[in-house]
Amino acid sequence: NAENDAFIRLASLVRDRTQPSIARATAAEHLSSFGQAGVSALRSGLLSKQPLVQAYSAAAFSGAPLDDSLGLLSSLTSDEQPRAVRDQAIRATASVPLDRFAAGDRERINELRKDYEDRLEALSALPGSRFGLATYLHRMGRYTEAMTHYQAALQLDPTFAPARTNLATLASEQGNVELAQQTLEAGVALETAPDSDRGHLAYLLALVLVEQGQPVEALPRFEQATRLAPGNPRAAYNHGLVLANLGRLQEARTVLGEALALHSQDYGLLNAMVYVLIESNQLEDALVRARILADLFPQDQNARGLVRRLEAQLR
């Protein structure tokens, strides 16, 4: 499918040493969205002799890198590397305990971490630098400090959606659901912010409400998310499933149908529509959607299984 083709092109571009460094670096940046599947190609970027490619490849690692990537990332913190490369390697390995590094590297890594933090602190009057410091501390597991800096970034720029998203997510993970909801509600109410950002925040707020056992209260937020950011099929997907779980199947079909009119090849929306149609006992319509799903995703065993089961039921 299109996503797989994009992954293949990006991975090939990162590995192709004949390409300009800016092209390879941009490919590495986009490859980060594919998670662990992109790690092999990103390691090729780390081995590149082009600092720009190395920096963007290092930046694409999030959380604790795999053991066979840690050595490469650690090597990028040497004094011979440009500062931009060292900084991205330090960020990428922020969540890794010092005792996982080679004994001879630990003191240097520790000093570089402190230096990087100090430089971000020195620029903390800028929202972007404050956010950078917050995400760095977040990765290091210093959650209370990270939340303080996310809040400071929002005081400097209330429309800074990534800081608001990260603060709400971290607060929720730490059990402070009240702060998470307040943070998201404040962002949705900001009429000066782009509709796409407000729609995404409304979607996150709806998910928080569902997780708190308040699915009915979440419905207006799902509707708001779809209205403000129709380009996000995840909002309609979850909206439809919540309606279905509440027994409001006709409304669920409407929500999913409207979303499919905009995103006709979205796997999640098609799968959810098949489920809702089956629950509605509209098996012929469900089979039509299941066949579309199987044609679009021929490697998906679930889609093929749905077609077989529905065909058997309709015989």
Protein backbone atom coordinates (compact mmCIF):
# COMPACT_ATOMS: atom_id res chain seq x y z
CA ASN A 1 0.00 0.00 0.00
CA ALA A 2 0.94 3.67 -0.11
CA GLU A 3 2.35 3.70 3.43
CA ASN A 4 4.61 0.74 2.71
CA ASP A 5 5.80 2.31 -0.54
CA ALA A 6 6.63 5.53 1.32
CA PHE A 7 8.60 3.59 3.92
CA ILE A 8 10.64 1.79 1.24
CA ARG A 9 11.44 5.06 -0.56
CA LEU A 10 12.49 6.82 2.64
CA ALA A 11 14.64 3.94 3.85
CA SER A 12 16.35 3.69 0.46
CA LEU A 13 17.00 7.42 0.41
CA VAL A 14 18.62 7.39 3.87
CA ARG A 15 20.94 4.56 2.79
CA ASP A 16 21.86 6.09 -0.59
CA ARG A 17 25.20 7.85 -0.10
CA THR A 18 25.03 9.39 -3.58
CA GLN A 19 22.09 11.59 -2.54
CA PRO A 20 22.55 15.15 -1.19
CA SER A 21 22.83 15.31 2.59
CA ILE A 22 19.70 17.48 2.90
CA ALA A 23 17.64 14.86 1.08
CA ARG A 24 18.94 12.02 3.25
CA ALA A 25 18.47 14.05 6.43
CA THR A 26 14.88 14.92 5.52
CA ALA A 27 14.17 11.26 4.78
CA ALA A 28 15.56 10.28 8.19
CA GLU A 29 13.31 12.82 9.86
CA HIS A 30 10.21 11.38 8.16
CA LEU A 31 11.36 7.81 8.75
CA SER A 32 11.07 8.34 12.50
CA SER A 33 7.27 8.12 12.19
CA PHE A 34 7.59 4.42 11.28
CA GLY A 35 8.95 3.48 14.72
CA GLN A 36 11.09 0.39 15.11
CA ALA A 37 10.64 -0.56 11.45
CA GLY A 38 12.89 2.33 10.49
CA VAL A 39 15.71 1.59 12.93
CA SER A 40 17.88 -0.34 10.46
CA ALA A 41 17.87 2.49 7.91
CA LEU A 42 18.44 5.06 10.64
CA ARG A 43 21.53 3.15 11.77
CA SER A 44 22.84 3.61 8.24
CA GLY A 45 22.30 7.32 8.72
CA LEU A 46 24.27 7.25 11.96
CA LEU A 47 27.20 5.68 10.07
CA SER A 48 27.10 8.40 7.42
CA LYS A 49 30.06 10.75 7.08
CA GLN A 50 27.65 13.64 6.54
CA PRO A 51 27.02 15.50 9.84
CA LEU A 52 23.55 16.67 8.78
CA VAL A 53 22.46 13.09 8.07
CA GLN A 54 23.98 11.89 11.34
CA ALA A 55 22.21 14.60 13.33
CA TYR A 56 18.78 13.94 11.83
CA SER A 57 19.19 10.18 12.11
CA ALA A 58 20.12 10.53 15.79
CA ALA A 59 17.16 12.85 16.37
CA ALA A 60 14.81 10.21 14.97
CA PHE A 61 15.53 7.85 17.88
CA SER A 62 13.15 8.33 20.80
CA GLY A 63 13.15 6.58 24.15
CA ALA A 64 15.78 3.99 24.91
CA PRO A 65 17.51 2.90 21.69
CA LEU A 66 18.13 -0.73 20.92
CA ASP A 67 21.35 -2.14 22.33
CA ASP A 68 22.97 -2.39 18.90
CA SER A 69 22.18 1.28 18.23
CA LEU A 70 23.45 2.57 21.57
CA GLY A 71 27.09 2.10 20.65
CA LEU A 72 26.64 4.06 17.42
CA LEU A 73 24.80 6.87 19.18
CA SER A 74 27.44 6.97 21.90
CA SER A 75 30.19 7.27 19.29
CA LEU A 76 28.47 10.41 17.97
CA THR A 77 29.11 12.17 21.29
CA SER A 78 32.89 12.20 20.77
CA ASP A 79 34.78 15.51 20.65
CA GLU A 80 35.45 15.01 16.94
CA GLN A 81 31.75 15.36 16.12
CA PRO A 82 30.08 18.73 15.43
CA ARG A 83 28.04 20.06 18.33
CA ALA A 84 24.76 19.59 16.47
CA VAL A 85 25.48 15.88 16.06
CA ARG A 86 26.55 15.50 19.70
CA ASP A 87 23.43 17.29 20.91
CA GLN A 88 21.08 15.05 18.95
CA ALA A 89 22.89 11.93 20.17
CA ILE A 90 22.60 13.18 23.76
CA ARG A 91 18.86 13.81 23.32
CA ALA A 92 18.33 10.43 21.70
CA THR A 93 20.01 8.61 24.60
CA ALA A 94 18.53 10.74 27.39
CA SER A 95 16.43 7.88 28.75
CA VAL A 96 19.37 5.47 28.87
CA PRO A 97 20.91 4.98 32.36
CA LEU A 98 24.59 5.83 32.49
CA ASP A 99 25.51 2.30 33.52
CA ARG A 100 24.34 1.03 30.12
CA PHE A 101 27.11 2.97 28.39
CA ALA A 102 30.63 1.64 28.08
CA ALA A 103 32.60 2.41 31.24
CA GLY A 104 34.98 4.69 29.36
CA ASP A 105 32.11 6.79 27.97
CA ARG A 106 30.07 7.41 31.10
CA GLU A 107 31.88 10.46 32.47
CA ARG A 108 31.85 12.15 29.06
CA ILE A 109 28.14 11.38 28.52
CA ASN A 110 27.28 12.72 31.97
CA GLU A 111 29.18 15.96 31.35
CA LEU A 112 27.59 16.39 27.93
CA ARG A 113 24.14 15.90 29.43
CA LYS A 114 24.77 18.60 32.01
CA ASP A 115 26.19 20.96 29.37
CA TYR A 116 23.23 20.41 27.06
CA GLU A 117 20.76 21.08 29.88
CA ASP A 118 22.63 24.24 30.92
CA ARG A 119 22.57 25.61 27.38
CA LEU A 120 18.82 25.04 27.10
CA GLU A 121 18.32 26.71 30.49
CA ALA A 122 20.23 29.74 29.24
CA LEU A 123 17.75 30.12 26.38
CA SER A 124 14.65 29.40 28.45
CA ALA A 125 13.04 32.75 27.64
CA LEU A 126 12.27 31.26 24.22
CA PRO A 127 9.23 28.92 24.06
CA GLY A 128 10.99 26.49 21.74
CA SER A 129 14.03 26.17 24.00
CA ARG A 130 11.83 25.78 27.07
CA PHE A 131 9.92 23.04 25.25
CA GLY A 132 13.19 21.41 24.20
CA LEU A 133 14.33 21.37 27.82
CA ALA A 134 10.98 19.92 28.93
CA THR A 135 11.10 17.07 26.39
CA TYR A 136 14.71 16.35 27.32
CA LEU A 137 13.84 16.09 31.02
CA HIS A 138 10.76 14.08 30.11
CA ARG A 139 12.94 11.51 28.36
CA MET A 140 15.26 11.39 31.34
CA GLY A 141 12.36 10.49 33.62
CA ARG A 142 12.47 13.79 35.52
CA TYR A 143 8.73 14.19 35.17
CA THR A 144 7.97 16.90 37.74
CA GLU A 145 10.62 19.19 36.27
CA ALA A 146 9.40 18.41 32.76
CA MET A 147 5.83 19.42 33.62
CA THR A 148 7.09 22.68 35.13
CA HIS A 149 8.91 23.54 31.90
CA TYR A 150 5.97 22.53 29.67
CA GLN A 151 3.82 24.92 31.73
CA ALA A 152 6.44 27.64 31.40
CA ALA A 153 6.52 27.16 27.61
CA LEU A 154 2.74 27.60 27.53
CA GLN A 155 2.97 30.77 29.61
CA LEU A 156 5.32 32.15 26.98
CA ASP A 157 3.12 30.95 24.10
CA PRO A 158 -0.37 29.61 24.99
CA THR A 159 -0.87 28.41 21.39
CA PHE A 160 2.17 26.11 21.53
CA ALA A 161 0.24 22.90 20.82
CA PRO A 162 3.14 20.39 21.21
CA ALA A 163 3.85 21.70 24.73
CA ARG A 164 0.16 21.48 25.62
CA THR A 165 -0.14 17.96 24.22
CA ASN A 166 2.95 16.73 26.03
CA LEU A 167 1.92 18.35 29.32
CA ALA A 168 -1.55 16.79 29.17
CA THR A 169 -0.15 13.39 28.23
CA LEU A 170 2.46 13.42 30.98
CA ALA A 171 -0.02 14.69 33.59
CA SER A 172 -2.43 11.90 32.68
CA GLU A 173 0.34 9.29 32.86
CA GLN A 174 1.30 10.59 36.30
CA GLY A 175 -2.29 10.28 37.50
CA ASN A 176 -3.07 14.01 37.48
CA VAL A 177 -6.15 13.72 35.28
CA GLU A 178 -7.51 17.05 36.48
CA LEU A 179 -4.44 18.89 35.17
CA ALA A 180 -4.61 16.95 31.90
CA GLN A 181 -8.24 17.95 31.35
CA GLN A 182 -7.66 21.58 32.33
CA THR A 183 -4.67 21.81 29.99
CA LEU A 184 -6.62 20.40 27.04
CA GLU A 185 -9.78 22.41 27.72
CA ALA A 186 -7.76 25.63 27.82
CA GLY A 187 -6.17 24.79 24.47
CA VAL A 188 -9.48 23.96 22.79
CA ALA A 189 -10.91 27.28 23.99
CA LEU A 190 -8.06 29.30 22.41
CA GLU A 191 -9.72 30.83 19.37
CA THR A 192 -6.42 32.38 18.29
CA ALA A 193 -4.92 28.91 17.80
CA PRO A 194 -5.21 27.07 14.46
CA ASP A 195 -8.34 24.96 14.10
CA SER A 196 -6.24 21.89 13.36
CA ASP A 197 -4.47 22.24 16.72
CA ARG A 198 -7.70 22.87 18.60
CA GLY A 199 -9.28 19.86 16.90
CA HIS A 200 -6.40 17.60 17.92
CA LEU A 201 -6.64 18.83 21.52
CA ALA A 202 -10.42 18.23 21.51
CA TYR A 203 -9.74 14.69 20.32
CA LEU A 204 -7.23 14.09 23.12
CA LEU A 205 -9.72 15.52 25.63
CA ALA A 206 -12.37 13.12 24.36
CA LEU A 207 -9.99 10.19 24.85
CA VAL A 208 -9.21 11.31 28.40
CA LEU A 209 -12.93 11.45 29.18
CA VAL A 210 -13.47 7.97 27.74
CA GLU A 211 -10.58 6.62 29.81
CA GLN A 212 -12.21 8.15 32.88
CA GLY A 213 -15.44 6.28 32.20
CA GLN A 214 -17.30 9.28 30.79
CA PRO A 215 -18.10 8.24 27.19
CA VAL A 216 -21.29 10.32 26.94
CA GLU A 217 -19.43 13.44 28.06
CA ALA A 218 -16.75 12.68 25.46
CA LEU A 219 -19.17 12.76 22.50
CA PRO A 220 -19.35 16.58 22.14
CA ARG A 221 -15.55 16.69 22.18
CA PHE A 222 -15.34 14.08 19.43
CA GLU A 223 -17.81 16.15 17.39
CA GLN A 224 -15.74 19.26 18.03
CA ALA A 225 -12.57 17.45 16.98
CA THR A 226 -14.13 16.27 13.71
CA ARG A 227 -15.50 19.73 12.95
CA LEU A 228 -12.25 21.58 13.65
CA ALA A 229 -9.86 19.00 12.15
CA PRO A 230 -11.68 16.88 9.53
CA GLY A 231 -8.30 15.69 8.27
CA ASN A 232 -7.84 13.50 11.37
CA PRO A 233 -9.59 10.16 10.74
CA ARG A 234 -8.65 8.89 14.23
CA ALA A 235 -11.19 11.23 15.82
CA ALA A 236 -14.04 9.85 13.70
CA TYR A 237 -12.81 6.28 14.22
CA ASN A 238 -12.94 6.53 18.00
CA HIS A 239 -16.12 8.61 17.91
CA GLY A 240 -17.85 5.89 15.90
CA LEU A 241 -16.69 3.11 18.20
CA VAL A 242 -17.77 4.97 21.33
CA LEU A 243 -21.22 5.53 19.82
CA ALA A 244 -21.41 1.84 18.88
CA ASN A 245 -20.44 0.79 22.41
CA LEU A 246 -23.25 3.00 23.71
CA GLY A 247 -25.69 1.19 21.42
CA ARG A 248 -26.16 4.22 19.16
CA LEU A 249 -25.44 2.29 15.98
CA GLN A 250 -27.18 4.56 13.47
CA GLU A 251 -25.21 7.56 14.72
CA ALA A 252 -22.04 5.49 14.58
CA ARG A 253 -22.72 4.60 10.93
CA THR A 254 -23.30 8.26 10.11
CA VAL A 255 -20.07 9.41 11.76
CA LEU A 256 -18.00 6.70 10.09
CA GLY A 257 -19.70 7.19 6.72
CA GLU A 258 -18.97 10.91 6.70
CA ALA A 259 -15.35 10.25 7.61
CA LEU A 260 -14.99 7.60 4.90
CA ALA A 261 -16.22 10.13 2.35
CA LEU A 262 -13.03 12.07 3.16
CA HIS A 263 -10.72 9.11 3.90
CA SER A 264 -12.03 6.30 1.72
CA GLN A 265 -8.92 4.10 2.11
CA ASP A 266 -8.35 4.44 5.84
CA TYR A 267 -7.91 1.00 7.39
CA GLY A 268 -9.27 1.89 10.81
CA LEU A 269 -12.40 3.60 9.49
CA LEU A 270 -13.22 0.73 7.13
CA ASN A 271 -12.64 -1.86 9.84
CA ALA A 272 -14.82 0.06 12.30
CA MET A 273 -17.58 0.43 9.71
CA VAL A 274 -17.59 -3.32 9.06
CA TYR A 275 -17.89 -3.93 12.80
CA VAL A 276 -20.76 -1.45 13.20
CA LEU A 277 -22.60 -2.84 10.19
CA ILE A 278 -22.29 -6.36 11.59
CA GLU A 279 -23.62 -5.15 14.95
CA SER A 280 -26.47 -3.48 13.06
CA ASN A 281 -27.21 -6.80 11.30
CA GLN A 282 -26.56 -5.20 7.92
CA LEU A 283 -24.42 -8.08 6.72
CA GLU A 284 -24.60 -7.39 2.97
CA ASP A 285 -23.35 -3.83 3.48
CA ALA A 286 -20.70 -5.15 5.86
CA LEU A 287 -19.50 -7.59 3.19
CA VAL A 288 -19.17 -4.77 0.65
CA ARG A 289 -16.99 -2.80 3.06
CA ALA A 290 -14.99 -5.89 4.06
CA ARG A 291 -14.20 -6.64 0.41
CA ILE A 292 -12.99 -3.09 -0.09
CA LEU A 293 -10.81 -3.48 3.00
CA ALA A 294 -9.36 -6.78 1.73
CA ASP A 295 -8.66 -5.30 -1.72
CA LEU A 296 -6.88 -2.30 -0.25
CA PHE A 297 -4.86 -4.37 2.25
CA PRO A 298 -4.31 -7.77 0.57
CA GLN A 299 -1.74 -8.88 3.16
CA ASP A 300 -4.13 -8.34 6.06
CA GLN A 301 -5.40 -11.69 7.33
CA ASN A 302 -8.10 -10.05 9.45
CA ALA A 303 -9.68 -8.45 6.38
CA ARG A 304 -9.65 -11.69 4.42
CA GLY A 305 -11.10 -13.54 7.40
CA LEU A 306 -13.94 -11.01 7.67
CA VAL A 307 -14.82 -11.56 4.01
CA ARG A 308 -14.86 -15.33 4.42
CA ARG A 309 -17.01 -15.24 7.55
CA LEU A 310 -19.51 -12.82 6.06
CA GLU A 311 -19.77 -14.77 2.81
CA ALA A 312 -20.43 -17.93 4.83
CA GLN A 313 -23.16 -16.21 6.87
CA LEU A 314 -24.90 -14.91 3.76
CA ARG A 315 -24.98 -18.23 1.90
